PDB file of all heavy atoms in Angstrom:
ATOM      1  N   GLN A   1      93.012 -94.157 134.640  1.00  0.00           N
ATOM      2  CA  GLN A   1      92.908 -94.258 136.093  1.00  0.00           C
ATOM      3  C   GLN A   1      92.093 -95.483 136.504  1.00  0.00           C
ATOM      4  O   GLN A   1      92.437 -96.195 137.452  1.00  0.00           O
ATOM      5  CB  GLN A   1      92.262 -92.980 136.652  1.00  0.00           C
ATOM      6  CG  GLN A   1      93.131 -91.741 136.546  1.00  0.00           C
ATOM      7  CD  GLN A   1      94.336 -91.791 137.474  1.00  0.00           C
ATOM      8  OE1 GLN A   1      95.419 -92.231 137.083  1.00  0.00           O
ATOM      9  NE2 GLN A   1      94.135 -91.367 138.714  1.00  0.00           N
ATOM     10  N   ARG A   2      91.033 -95.741 135.782  1.00  0.00           N
ATOM     11  CA  ARG A   2      90.181 -96.873 136.135  1.00  0.00           C
ATOM     12  C   ARG A   2      90.875 -98.207 135.862  1.00  0.00           C
ATOM     13  O   ARG A   2      90.701 -99.163 136.615  1.00  0.00           O
ATOM     14  CB  ARG A   2      88.867 -96.804 135.349  1.00  0.00           C
ATOM     15  CG  ARG A   2      87.965 -95.650 135.775  1.00  0.00           C
ATOM     16  CD  ARG A   2      86.716 -95.595 134.926  1.00  0.00           C
ATOM     17  NE  ARG A   2      85.834 -94.513 135.345  1.00  0.00           N
ATOM     18  CZ  ARG A   2      84.702 -94.186 134.729  1.00  0.00           C
ATOM     19  NH1 ARG A   2      84.321 -94.870 133.653  1.00  0.00           N
ATOM     20  NH2 ARG A   2      83.969 -93.192 135.181  1.00  0.00           N
ATOM     21  N   ARG A   3      91.645 -98.257 134.774  1.00  0.00           N
ATOM     22  CA  ARG A   3      92.289 -99.525 134.410  1.00  0.00           C
ATOM     23  C   ARG A   3      93.515 -99.799 135.250  1.00  0.00           C
ATOM     24  O   ARG A   3      93.824-100.954 135.546  1.00  0.00           O
ATOM     25  CB  ARG A   3      92.661 -99.508 132.922  1.00  0.00           C
ATOM     26  CG  ARG A   3      91.448 -99.605 132.011  1.00  0.00           C
ATOM     27  CD  ARG A   3      91.813 -99.903 130.559  1.00  0.00           C
ATOM     28  NE  ARG A   3      92.619 -98.846 129.957  1.00  0.00           N
ATOM     29  CZ  ARG A   3      93.913 -98.962 129.681  1.00  0.00           C
ATOM     30  NH1 ARG A   3      94.572-100.067 129.989  1.00  0.00           N
ATOM     31  NH2 ARG A   3      94.552 -97.955 129.111  1.00  0.00           N
ATOM     32  N   LEU A   4      94.242 -98.784 135.664  1.00  0.00           N
ATOM     33  CA  LEU A   4      95.501 -98.988 136.354  1.00  0.00           C
ATOM     34  C   LEU A   4      95.364 -99.020 137.871  1.00  0.00           C
ATOM     35  O   LEU A   4      96.193 -99.621 138.560  1.00  0.00           O
ATOM     36  CB  LEU A   4      96.491 -97.876 135.957  1.00  0.00           C
ATOM     37  CG  LEU A   4      96.856 -97.824 134.468  1.00  0.00           C
ATOM     38  CD1 LEU A   4      97.826 -96.679 134.195  1.00  0.00           C
ATOM     39  CD2 LEU A   4      97.498 -99.150 134.024  1.00  0.00           C
ATOM     40  N   LEU A   5      94.336 -98.348 138.418  1.00  0.00           N
ATOM     41  CA  LEU A   5      94.199 -98.276 139.868  1.00  0.00           C
ATOM     42  C   LEU A   5      92.937 -99.022 140.300  1.00  0.00           C
ATOM     43  O   LEU A   5      91.823 -98.652 139.960  1.00  0.00           O
ATOM     44  CB  LEU A   5      94.103 -96.805 140.317  1.00  0.00           C
ATOM     45  CG  LEU A   5      95.335 -95.935 139.985  1.00  0.00           C
ATOM     46  CD1 LEU A   5      95.093 -94.505 140.417  1.00  0.00           C
ATOM     47  CD2 LEU A   5      96.584 -96.486 140.659  1.00  0.00           C
ATOM     48  N   ASP A   6      93.154-100.116 141.040  1.00  0.00           N
ATOM     49  CA  ASP A   6      92.021-100.923 141.475  1.00  0.00           C
ATOM     50  C   ASP A   6      91.087-100.144 142.398  1.00  0.00           C
ATOM     51  O   ASP A   6      89.871-100.329 142.357  1.00  0.00           O
ATOM     52  CB  ASP A   6      92.523-102.187 142.206  1.00  0.00           C
ATOM     53  CG  ASP A   6      93.250-103.129 141.259  1.00  0.00           C
ATOM     54  OD1 ASP A   6      93.016-103.016 140.034  1.00  0.00           O
ATOM     55  OD2 ASP A   6      94.050-103.956 141.732  1.00  0.00           O
ATOM     56  N   VAL A   7      91.667 -99.285 143.243  1.00  0.00           N
ATOM     57  CA  VAL A   7      90.829 -98.539 144.173  1.00  0.00           C
ATOM     58  C   VAL A   7      89.885 -97.585 143.436  1.00  0.00           C
ATOM     59  O   VAL A   7      88.725 -97.403 143.829  1.00  0.00           O
ATOM     60  CB  VAL A   7      91.712 -97.753 145.170  1.00  0.00           C
ATOM     61  CG1 VAL A   7      92.552 -96.701 144.462  1.00  0.00           C
ATOM     62  CG2 VAL A   7      90.845 -97.097 146.246  1.00  0.00           C
ATOM     63  N   ILE A   8      90.355 -96.998 142.333  1.00  0.00           N
ATOM     64  CA  ILE A   8      89.504 -96.127 141.533  1.00  0.00           C
ATOM     65  C   ILE A   8      88.402 -96.940 140.862  1.00  0.00           C
ATOM     66  O   ILE A   8      87.232 -96.540 140.840  1.00  0.00           O
ATOM     67  CB  ILE A   8      90.330 -95.377 140.479  1.00  0.00           C
ATOM     68  CG1 ILE A   8      91.347 -94.448 141.154  1.00  0.00           C
ATOM     69  CG2 ILE A   8      89.414 -94.583 139.550  1.00  0.00           C
ATOM     70  CD1 ILE A   8      90.717 -93.339 141.953  1.00  0.00           C
ATOM     71  N   ALA A   9      88.748 -98.088 140.316  1.00  0.00           N
ATOM     72  CA  ALA A   9      87.762 -98.941 139.664  1.00  0.00           C
ATOM     73  C   ALA A   9      86.686 -99.379 140.652  1.00  0.00           C
ATOM     74  O   ALA A   9      85.487 -99.384 140.332  1.00  0.00           O
ATOM     75  CB  ALA A   9      88.445-100.153 139.038  1.00  0.00           C
ATOM     76  N   ALA A  10      87.116 -99.737 141.871  1.00  0.00           N
ATOM     77  CA  ALA A  10      86.144-100.164 142.879  1.00  0.00           C
ATOM     78  C   ALA A  10      85.243 -99.009 143.297  1.00  0.00           C
ATOM     79  O   ALA A  10      84.033 -99.181 143.508  1.00  0.00           O
ATOM     80  CB  ALA A  10      86.888-100.724 144.097  1.00  0.00           C
ATOM     81  N   ARG A  11      85.813 -97.822 143.400  1.00  0.00           N
ATOM     82  CA  ARG A  11      85.016 -96.658 143.785  1.00  0.00           C
ATOM     83  C   ARG A  11      83.995 -96.320 142.711  1.00  0.00           C
ATOM     84  O   ARG A  11      82.834 -95.998 143.014  1.00  0.00           O
ATOM     85  CB  ARG A  11      85.939 -95.465 144.025  1.00  0.00           C
ATOM     86  CG  ARG A  11      85.232 -94.218 144.519  1.00  0.00           C
ATOM     87  CD  ARG A  11      86.215 -93.072 144.632  1.00  0.00           C
ATOM     88  NE  ARG A  11      87.351 -93.412 145.483  1.00  0.00           N
ATOM     89  CZ  ARG A  11      88.469 -92.684 145.538  1.00  0.00           C
ATOM     90  NH1 ARG A  11      88.590 -91.608 144.772  1.00  0.00           N
ATOM     91  NH2 ARG A  11      89.460 -93.059 146.336  1.00  0.00           N
ATOM     92  N   VAL A  12      84.404 -96.399 141.428  1.00  0.00           N
ATOM     93  CA  VAL A  12      83.481 -96.114 140.331  1.00  0.00           C
ATOM     94  C   VAL A  12      82.334 -97.111 140.324  1.00  0.00           C
ATOM     95  O   VAL A  12      81.159 -96.748 140.146  1.00  0.00           O
ATOM     96  CB  VAL A  12      84.239 -96.144 138.990  1.00  0.00           C
ATOM     97  CG1 VAL A  12      83.255 -96.104 137.814  1.00  0.00           C
ATOM     98  CG2 VAL A  12      85.203 -94.975 138.896  1.00  0.00           C
ATOM     99  N   GLU A  13      82.653 -98.380 140.545  1.00  0.00           N
ATOM    100  CA  GLU A  13      81.606 -99.399 140.565  1.00  0.00           C
ATOM    101  C   GLU A  13      80.647 -99.177 141.729  1.00  0.00           C
ATOM    102  O   GLU A  13      79.421 -99.307 141.584  1.00  0.00           O
ATOM    103  CB  GLU A  13      82.235-100.790 140.661  1.00  0.00           C
ATOM    104  CG  GLU A  13      81.215-101.912 140.637  1.00  0.00           C
ATOM    105  CD  GLU A  13      81.867-103.276 140.717  1.00  0.00           C
ATOM    106  OE1 GLU A  13      83.108-103.344 140.867  1.00  0.00           O
ATOM    107  OE2 GLU A  13      81.131-104.280 140.645  1.00  0.00           O
ATOM    108  N   ARG A  14      81.203 -98.827 142.887  1.00  0.00           N
ATOM    109  CA  ARG A  14      80.365 -98.591 144.049  1.00  0.00           C
ATOM    110  C   ARG A  14      79.438 -97.384 143.827  1.00  0.00           C
ATOM    111  O   ARG A  14      78.244 -97.428 144.134  1.00  0.00           O
ATOM    112  CB  ARG A  14      81.242 -98.358 145.281  1.00  0.00           C
ATOM    113  CG  ARG A  14      80.439 -98.175 146.568  1.00  0.00           C
ATOM    114  CD  ARG A  14      81.351 -98.119 147.787  1.00  0.00           C
ATOM    115  NE  ARG A  14      82.235 -96.960 147.752  1.00  0.00           N
ATOM    116  CZ  ARG A  14      83.556 -97.033 147.529  1.00  0.00           C
ATOM    117  NH1 ARG A  14      84.147 -98.209 147.314  1.00  0.00           N
ATOM    118  NH2 ARG A  14      84.302 -95.932 147.500  1.00  0.00           N
ATOM    119  N   ASP A  15      79.999 -96.305 143.262  1.00  0.00           N
ATOM    120  CA  ASP A  15      79.186 -95.130 142.987  1.00  0.00           C
ATOM    121  C   ASP A  15      78.108 -95.430 141.950  1.00  0.00           C
ATOM    122  O   ASP A  15      76.979 -94.926 142.038  1.00  0.00           O
ATOM    123  CB  ASP A  15      80.072 -93.980 142.504  1.00  0.00           C
ATOM    124  CG  ASP A  15      80.996 -93.462 143.596  1.00  0.00           C
ATOM    125  OD1 ASP A  15      80.716 -93.757 144.774  1.00  0.00           O
ATOM    126  OD2 ASP A  15      81.970 -92.769 143.259  1.00  0.00           O
ATOM    127  N   SER A  16      78.458 -96.245 140.968  1.00  0.00           N
ATOM    128  CA  SER A  16      77.483 -96.605 139.942  1.00  0.00           C
ATOM    129  C   SER A  16      76.327 -97.396 140.532  1.00  0.00           C
ATOM    130  O   SER A  16      75.154 -97.172 140.197  1.00  0.00           O
ATOM    131  CB  SER A  16      78.163 -97.397 138.830  1.00  0.00           C
ATOM    132  OG  SER A  16      77.227 -97.785 137.841  1.00  0.00           O
ATOM    133  N   LEU A  17      76.648 -98.321 141.428  1.00  0.00           N
ATOM    134  CA  LEU A  17      75.601 -99.107 142.074  1.00  0.00           C
ATOM    135  C   LEU A  17      74.723 -98.234 142.957  1.00  0.00           C
ATOM    136  O   LEU A  17      73.497 -98.394 142.999  1.00  0.00           O
ATOM    137  CB  LEU A  17      76.230-100.236 142.893  1.00  0.00           C
ATOM    138  CG  LEU A  17      76.939-101.328 142.086  1.00  0.00           C
ATOM    139  CD1 LEU A  17      77.623-102.321 143.021  1.00  0.00           C
ATOM    140  CD2 LEU A  17      75.943-102.041 141.174  1.00  0.00           C
ATOM    141  N   ARG A  18      75.337 -97.293 143.674  1.00  0.00           N
ATOM    142  CA  ARG A  18      74.558 -96.386 144.514  1.00  0.00           C
ATOM    143  C   ARG A  18      73.619 -95.521 143.676  1.00  0.00           C
ATOM    144  O   ARG A  18      72.467 -95.292 144.045  1.00  0.00           O
ATOM    145  CB  ARG A  18      75.493 -95.503 145.337  1.00  0.00           C
ATOM    146  CG  ARG A  18      76.228 -96.231 146.458  1.00  0.00           C
ATOM    147  CD  ARG A  18      77.175 -95.292 147.163  1.00  0.00           C
ATOM    148  NE  ARG A  18      77.831 -95.951 148.291  1.00  0.00           N
ATOM    149  CZ  ARG A  18      78.806 -95.401 149.013  1.00  0.00           C
ATOM    150  NH1 ARG A  18      79.222 -94.164 148.717  1.00  0.00           N
ATOM    151  NH2 ARG A  18      79.363 -96.060 150.013  1.00  0.00           N
ATOM    152  N   GLU A  19      74.128 -95.036 142.544  1.00  0.00           N
ATOM    153  CA  GLU A  19      73.296 -94.214 141.680  1.00  0.00           C
ATOM    154  C   GLU A  19      72.126 -95.011 141.125  1.00  0.00           C
ATOM    155  O   GLU A  19      70.996 -94.506 141.042  1.00  0.00           O
ATOM    156  CB  GLU A  19      74.136 -93.642 140.534  1.00  0.00           C
ATOM    157  CG  GLU A  19      73.368 -92.699 139.626  1.00  0.00           C
ATOM    158  CD  GLU A  19      74.252 -92.092 138.549  1.00  0.00           C
ATOM    159  OE1 GLU A  19      75.467 -92.361 138.546  1.00  0.00           O
ATOM    160  OE2 GLU A  19      73.713 -91.346 137.718  1.00  0.00           O
ATOM    161  N   ALA A  20      72.389 -96.270 140.780  1.00  0.00           N
ATOM    162  CA  ALA A  20      71.302 -97.125 140.292  1.00  0.00           C
ATOM    163  C   ALA A  20      70.264 -97.350 141.383  1.00  0.00           C
ATOM    164  O   ALA A  20      69.054 -97.365 141.121  1.00  0.00           O
ATOM    165  CB  ALA A  20      71.863 -98.447 139.789  1.00  0.00           C
ATOM    166  N   ASP A  21      70.744 -97.526 142.618  1.00  0.00           N
ATOM    167  CA  ASP A  21      69.802 -97.700 143.735  1.00  0.00           C
ATOM    168  C   ASP A  21      68.957 -96.447 143.950  1.00  0.00           C
ATOM    169  O   ASP A  21      67.746 -96.532 144.203  1.00  0.00           O
ATOM    170  CB  ASP A  21      70.566 -98.036 145.021  1.00  0.00           C
ATOM    171  CG  ASP A  21      71.142 -99.448 145.001  1.00  0.00           C
ATOM    172  OD1 ASP A  21      70.633-100.268 144.204  1.00  0.00           O
ATOM    173  OD2 ASP A  21      72.087 -99.718 145.757  1.00  0.00           O
ATOM    174  N   ARG A  22      69.586 -95.273 143.843  1.00  0.00           N
ATOM    175  CA  ARG A  22      68.845 -94.032 144.013  1.00  0.00           C
ATOM    176  C   ARG A  22      67.787 -93.868 142.922  1.00  0.00           C
ATOM    177  O   ARG A  22      66.673 -93.415 143.189  1.00  0.00           O
ATOM    178  CB  ARG A  22      69.807 -92.834 144.026  1.00  0.00           C
ATOM    179  CG  ARG A  22      70.630 -92.704 145.295  1.00  0.00           C
ATOM    180  CD  ARG A  22      71.281 -91.331 145.373  1.00  0.00           C
ATOM    181  NE  ARG A  22      72.215 -91.121 144.278  1.00  0.00           N
ATOM    182  CZ  ARG A  22      73.522 -91.388 144.349  1.00  0.00           C
ATOM    183  NH1 ARG A  22      74.037 -91.882 145.475  1.00  0.00           N
ATOM    184  NH2 ARG A  22      74.310 -91.159 143.316  1.00  0.00           N
ATOM    185  N   ASP A  23      68.148 -94.236 141.697  1.00  0.00           N
ATOM    186  CA  ASP A  23      67.187 -94.138 140.594  1.00  0.00           C
ATOM    187  C   ASP A  23      66.005 -95.073 140.819  1.00  0.00           C
ATOM    188  O   ASP A  23      64.849 -94.703 140.566  1.00  0.00           O
ATOM    189  CB  ASP A  23      67.871 -94.468 139.268  1.00  0.00           C
ATOM    190  CG  ASP A  23      68.893 -93.411 138.855  1.00  0.00           C
ATOM    191  OD1 ASP A  23      68.802 -92.276 139.390  1.00  0.00           O
ATOM    192  OD2 ASP A  23      69.772 -93.704 138.035  1.00  0.00           O
ATOM    193  N   ARG A  24      66.281 -96.279 141.290  1.00  0.00           N
ATOM    194  CA  ARG A  24      65.184 -97.221 141.549  1.00  0.00           C
ATOM    195  C   ARG A  24      64.294 -96.728 142.693  1.00  0.00           C
ATOM    196  O   ARG A  24      63.067 -96.846 142.636  1.00  0.00           O
ATOM    197  CB  ARG A  24      65.752 -98.604 141.862  1.00  0.00           C
ATOM    198  CG  ARG A  24      66.248 -99.372 140.640  1.00  0.00           C
ATOM    199  CD  ARG A  24      66.511-100.817 140.989  1.00  0.00           C
ATOM    200  NE  ARG A  24      67.614-100.955 141.943  1.00  0.00           N
ATOM    201  CZ  ARG A  24      68.880-101.123 141.576  1.00  0.00           C
ATOM    202  NH1 ARG A  24      69.206-101.168 140.291  1.00  0.00           N
ATOM    203  NH2 ARG A  24      69.833-101.243 142.495  1.00  0.00           N
ATOM    204  N   ASP A  25      64.916 -96.170 143.734  1.00  0.00           N
ATOM    205  CA  ASP A  25      64.129 -95.652 144.858  1.00  0.00           C
ATOM    206  C   ASP A  25      63.253 -94.480 144.427  1.00  0.00           C
ATOM    207  O   ASP A  25      62.092 -94.375 144.836  1.00  0.00           O
ATOM    208  CB  ASP A  25      65.054 -95.219 145.994  1.00  0.00           C
ATOM    209  CG  ASP A  25      65.740 -96.395 146.667  1.00  0.00           C
ATOM    210  OD1 ASP A  25      65.250 -97.530 146.499  1.00  0.00           O
ATOM    211  OD2 ASP A  25      66.767 -96.183 147.344  1.00  0.00           O
ATOM    212  N   ALA A  26      63.824 -93.586 143.590  1.00  0.00           N
ATOM    213  CA  ALA A  26      63.050 -92.447 143.111  1.00  0.00           C
ATOM    214  C   ALA A  26      61.881 -92.905 142.251  1.00  0.00           C
ATOM    215  O   ALA A  26      60.772 -92.363 142.344  1.00  0.00           O
ATOM    216  CB  ALA A  26      63.947 -91.493 142.328  1.00  0.00           C
ATOM    217  N   ALA A  27      62.135 -93.919 141.410  1.00  0.00           N
ATOM    218  CA  ALA A  27      61.047 -94.438 140.570  1.00  0.00           C
ATOM    219  C   ALA A  27      59.963 -95.079 141.419  1.00  0.00           C
ATOM    220  O   ALA A  27      58.768 -94.950 141.127  1.00  0.00           O
ATOM    221  CB  ALA A  27      61.611 -95.432 139.559  1.00  0.00           C
ATOM    222  N   ALA A  28      60.375 -95.790 142.488  1.00  0.00           N
ATOM    223  CA  ALA A  28      59.399 -96.434 143.370  1.00  0.00           C
ATOM    224  C   ALA A  28      58.571 -95.404 144.122  1.00  0.00           C
ATOM    225  O   ALA A  28      57.394 -95.639 144.430  1.00  0.00           O
ATOM    226  CB  ALA A  28      60.113 -97.361 144.348  1.00  0.00           C
ATOM    227  N   ARG A  29      59.160 -94.252 144.439  1.00  0.00           N
ATOM    228  CA  ARG A  29      58.429 -93.201 145.152  1.00  0.00           C
ATOM    229  C   ARG A  29      57.530 -92.392 144.231  1.00  0.00           C
ATOM    230  O   ARG A  29      56.736 -91.581 144.687  1.00  0.00           O
ATOM    231  CB  ARG A  29      59.423 -92.265 145.838  1.00  0.00           C
ATOM    232  CG  ARG A  29      60.236 -92.910 146.950  1.00  0.00           C
ATOM    233  CD  ARG A  29      61.332 -91.976 147.436  1.00  0.00           C
ATOM    234  NE  ARG A  29      60.798 -90.701 147.891  1.00  0.00           N
ATOM    235  CZ  ARG A  29      61.545 -89.612 148.085  1.00  0.00           C
ATOM    236  NH1 ARG A  29      62.850 -89.648 147.828  1.00  0.00           N
ATOM    237  NH2 ARG A  29      60.989 -88.500 148.523  1.00  0.00           N
ATOM    238  N   GLY A  30      57.655 -92.605 142.922  1.00  0.00           N
ATOM    239  CA  GLY A  30      56.828 -91.882 141.971  1.00  0.00           C
ATOM    240  C   GLY A  30      57.256 -90.456 141.735  1.00  0.00           C
ATOM    241  O   GLY A  30      56.437 -89.620 141.343  1.00  0.00           O
ATOM    242  N   LEU A  31      58.518 -90.136 141.995  1.00  0.00           N
ATOM    243  CA  LEU A  31      59.004 -88.773 141.795  1.00  0.00           C
ATOM    244  C   LEU A  31      59.248 -88.507 140.309  1.00  0.00           C
ATOM    245  O   LEU A  31      59.620 -89.409 139.559  1.00  0.00           O
ATOM    246  CB  LEU A  31      60.298 -88.557 142.589  1.00  0.00           C
ATOM    247  CG  LEU A  31      60.183 -88.660 144.113  1.00  0.00           C
ATOM    248  CD1 LEU A  31      61.544 -88.464 144.751  1.00  0.00           C
ATOM    249  CD2 LEU A  31      59.189 -87.633 144.644  1.00  0.00           C
ATOM    250  N   PRO A  32      59.060 -87.270 139.872  1.00  0.00           N
ATOM    251  CA  PRO A  32      59.288 -86.952 138.455  1.00  0.00           C
ATOM    252  C   PRO A  32      60.775 -86.962 138.124  1.00  0.00           C
ATOM    253  O   PRO A  32      61.626 -86.699 138.979  1.00  0.00           O
ATOM    254  CB  PRO A  32      58.698 -85.551 138.311  1.00  0.00           C
ATOM    255  CG  PRO A  32      58.830 -84.955 139.676  1.00  0.00           C
ATOM    256  CD  PRO A  32      58.618 -86.090 140.640  1.00  0.00           C
ATOM    257  N   LYS A  33      61.079 -87.268 136.875  1.00  0.00           N
ATOM    258  CA  LYS A  33      62.469 -87.249 136.419  1.00  0.00           C
ATOM    259  C   LYS A  33      62.929 -85.799 136.252  1.00  0.00           C
ATOM    260  O   LYS A  33      62.163 -84.946 135.806  1.00  0.00           O
ATOM    261  CB  LYS A  33      62.601 -87.989 135.095  1.00  0.00           C
ATOM    262  CG  LYS A  33      62.331 -89.478 135.182  1.00  0.00           C
ATOM    263  CD  LYS A  33      62.551 -90.144 133.842  1.00  0.00           C
ATOM    264  CE  LYS A  33      62.316 -91.650 133.938  1.00  0.00           C
ATOM    265  NZ  LYS A  33      62.520 -92.324 132.632  1.00  0.00           N
ATOM    266  N   PRO A  34      64.167 -85.507 136.619  1.00  0.00           N
ATOM    267  CA  PRO A  34      64.659 -84.121 136.452  1.00  0.00           C
ATOM    268  C   PRO A  34      64.803 -83.751 134.982  1.00  0.00           C
ATOM    269  O   PRO A  34      65.146 -84.590 134.144  1.00  0.00           O
ATOM    270  CB  PRO A  34      66.012 -84.147 137.168  1.00  0.00           C
ATOM    271  CG  PRO A  34      66.410 -85.574 137.213  1.00  0.00           C
ATOM    272  CD  PRO A  34      65.163 -86.381 137.260  1.00  0.00           C
ATOM    273  N   TYR A  35      64.502 -82.519 134.692  1.00  0.00           N
ATOM    274  CA  TYR A  35      64.652 -81.983 133.346  1.00  0.00           C
ATOM    275  C   TYR A  35      65.496 -80.723 133.458  1.00  0.00           C
ATOM    276  O   TYR A  35      65.129 -79.789 134.168  1.00  0.00           O
ATOM    277  CB  TYR A  35      63.289 -81.655 132.733  1.00  0.00           C
ATOM    278  CG  TYR A  35      63.345 -81.186 131.296  1.00  0.00           C
ATOM    279  CD1 TYR A  35      63.245 -82.083 130.244  1.00  0.00           C
ATOM    280  CD2 TYR A  35      63.517 -79.826 130.997  1.00  0.00           C
ATOM    281  CE1 TYR A  35      63.301 -81.647 128.929  1.00  0.00           C
ATOM    282  CE2 TYR A  35      63.580 -79.389 129.688  1.00  0.00           C
ATOM    283  CZ  TYR A  35      63.470 -80.304 128.663  1.00  0.00           C
ATOM    284  OH  TYR A  35      63.539 -79.871 127.359  1.00  0.00           O
ATOM    285  N   TYR A  36      66.631 -80.699 132.770  1.00  0.00           N
ATOM    286  CA  TYR A  36      67.578 -79.597 132.885  1.00  0.00           C
ATOM    287  C   TYR A  36      67.302 -78.555 131.791  1.00  0.00           C
ATOM    288  O   TYR A  36      67.191 -78.892 130.611  1.00  0.00           O
ATOM    289  CB  TYR A  36      69.010 -80.108 132.784  1.00  0.00           C
ATOM    290  CG  TYR A  36      69.394 -80.984 133.967  1.00  0.00           C
ATOM    291  CD1 TYR A  36      69.151 -82.352 133.948  1.00  0.00           C
ATOM    292  CD2 TYR A  36      69.971 -80.430 135.100  1.00  0.00           C
ATOM    293  CE1 TYR A  36      69.492 -83.153 135.040  1.00  0.00           C
ATOM    294  CE2 TYR A  36      70.309 -81.214 136.195  1.00  0.00           C
ATOM    295  CZ  TYR A  36      70.070 -82.578 136.152  1.00  0.00           C
ATOM    296  OH  TYR A  36      70.384 -83.353 137.243  1.00  0.00           O
ATOM    297  N   VAL A  37      67.196 -77.303 132.209  1.00  0.00           N
ATOM    298  CA  VAL A  37      66.850 -76.226 131.275  1.00  0.00           C
ATOM    299  C   VAL A  37      68.048 -75.360 130.929  1.00  0.00           C
ATOM    300  O   VAL A  37      67.898 -74.351 130.227  1.00  0.00           O
ATOM    301  CB  VAL A  37      65.725 -75.349 131.873  1.00  0.00           C
ATOM    302  CG1 VAL A  37      64.485 -76.181 132.136  1.00  0.00           C
ATOM    303  CG2 VAL A  37      66.188 -74.666 133.162  1.00  0.00           C
ATOM    304  N   GLY A  38      69.241 -75.731 131.410  1.00  0.00           N
ATOM    305  CA  GLY A  38      70.429 -74.937 131.122  1.00  0.00           C
ATOM    306  C   GLY A  38      70.343 -73.577 131.796  1.00  0.00           C
ATOM    307  O   GLY A  38      70.021 -73.466 132.970  1.00  0.00           O
ATOM    308  N   SER A  39      70.600 -72.531 131.018  1.00  0.00           N
ATOM    309  CA  SER A  39      70.528 -71.163 131.554  1.00  0.00           C
ATOM    310  C   SER A  39      69.251 -70.454 131.123  1.00  0.00           C
ATOM    311  O   SER A  39      69.134 -69.242 131.278  1.00  0.00           O
ATOM    312  CB  SER A  39      71.740 -70.355 131.069  1.00  0.00           C
ATOM    313  OG  SER A  39      71.779 -70.311 129.649  1.00  0.00           O
ATOM    314  N   LYS A  40      68.297 -71.207 130.589  1.00  0.00           N
ATOM    315  CA  LYS A  40      67.055 -70.612 130.101  1.00  0.00           C
ATOM    316  C   LYS A  40      66.132 -70.237 131.256  1.00  0.00           C
ATOM    317  O   LYS A  40      66.252 -70.736 132.371  1.00  0.00           O
ATOM    318  CB  LYS A  40      66.330 -71.594 129.178  1.00  0.00           C
ATOM    319  CG  LYS A  40      67.135 -72.035 127.966  1.00  0.00           C
ATOM    320  CD  LYS A  40      67.280 -70.927 126.950  1.00  0.00           C
ATOM    321  CE  LYS A  40      67.943 -71.417 125.680  1.00  0.00           C
ATOM    322  NZ  LYS A  40      68.045 -70.370 124.647  1.00  0.00           N
ATOM    323  N   GLN A  41      65.186 -69.384 130.956  1.00  0.00           N
ATOM    324  CA  GLN A  41      64.171 -68.962 131.914  1.00  0.00           C
ATOM    325  C   GLN A  41      62.866 -69.666 131.592  1.00  0.00           C
ATOM    326  O   GLN A  41      62.401 -69.677 130.461  1.00  0.00           O
ATOM    327  CB  GLN A  41      63.977 -67.449 131.861  1.00  0.00           C
ATOM    328  CG  GLN A  41      63.018 -66.912 132.909  1.00  0.00           C
ATOM    329  CD  GLN A  41      62.985 -65.395 132.935  1.00  0.00           C
ATOM    330  OE1 GLN A  41      63.637 -64.749 132.122  1.00  0.00           O
ATOM    331  NE2 GLN A  41      62.241 -64.818 133.852  1.00  0.00           N
ATOM    332  N   VAL A  42      62.249 -70.264 132.628  1.00  0.00           N
ATOM    333  CA  VAL A  42      61.024 -71.036 132.449  1.00  0.00           C
ATOM    334  C   VAL A  42      59.816 -70.096 132.497  1.00  0.00           C
ATOM    335  O   VAL A  42      59.729 -69.211 133.355  1.00  0.00           O
ATOM    336  CB  VAL A  42      60.892 -72.116 133.538  1.00  0.00           C
ATOM    337  CG1 VAL A  42      59.583 -72.893 133.378  1.00  0.00           C
ATOM    338  CG2 VAL A  42      62.080 -73.071 133.473  1.00  0.00           C
ATOM    339  N   GLY A  43      58.874 -70.311 131.595  1.00  0.00           N
ATOM    340  CA  GLY A  43      57.650 -69.518 131.575  1.00  0.00           C
ATOM    341  C   GLY A  43      56.473 -70.353 131.139  1.00  0.00           C
ATOM    342  O   GLY A  43      56.622 -71.443 130.578  1.00  0.00           O
TER     343      GLY A  43
END
């Protein structure tokens, strides 16, 4: 899909850039990185 459809490739690139921007903004704000625990219970 990415190789054959230009619109899909452009959308993926745009989403990737947005995600990178969000990561940089979160790092600048000093927020903790998410840690996924699956279906476990935290104690």
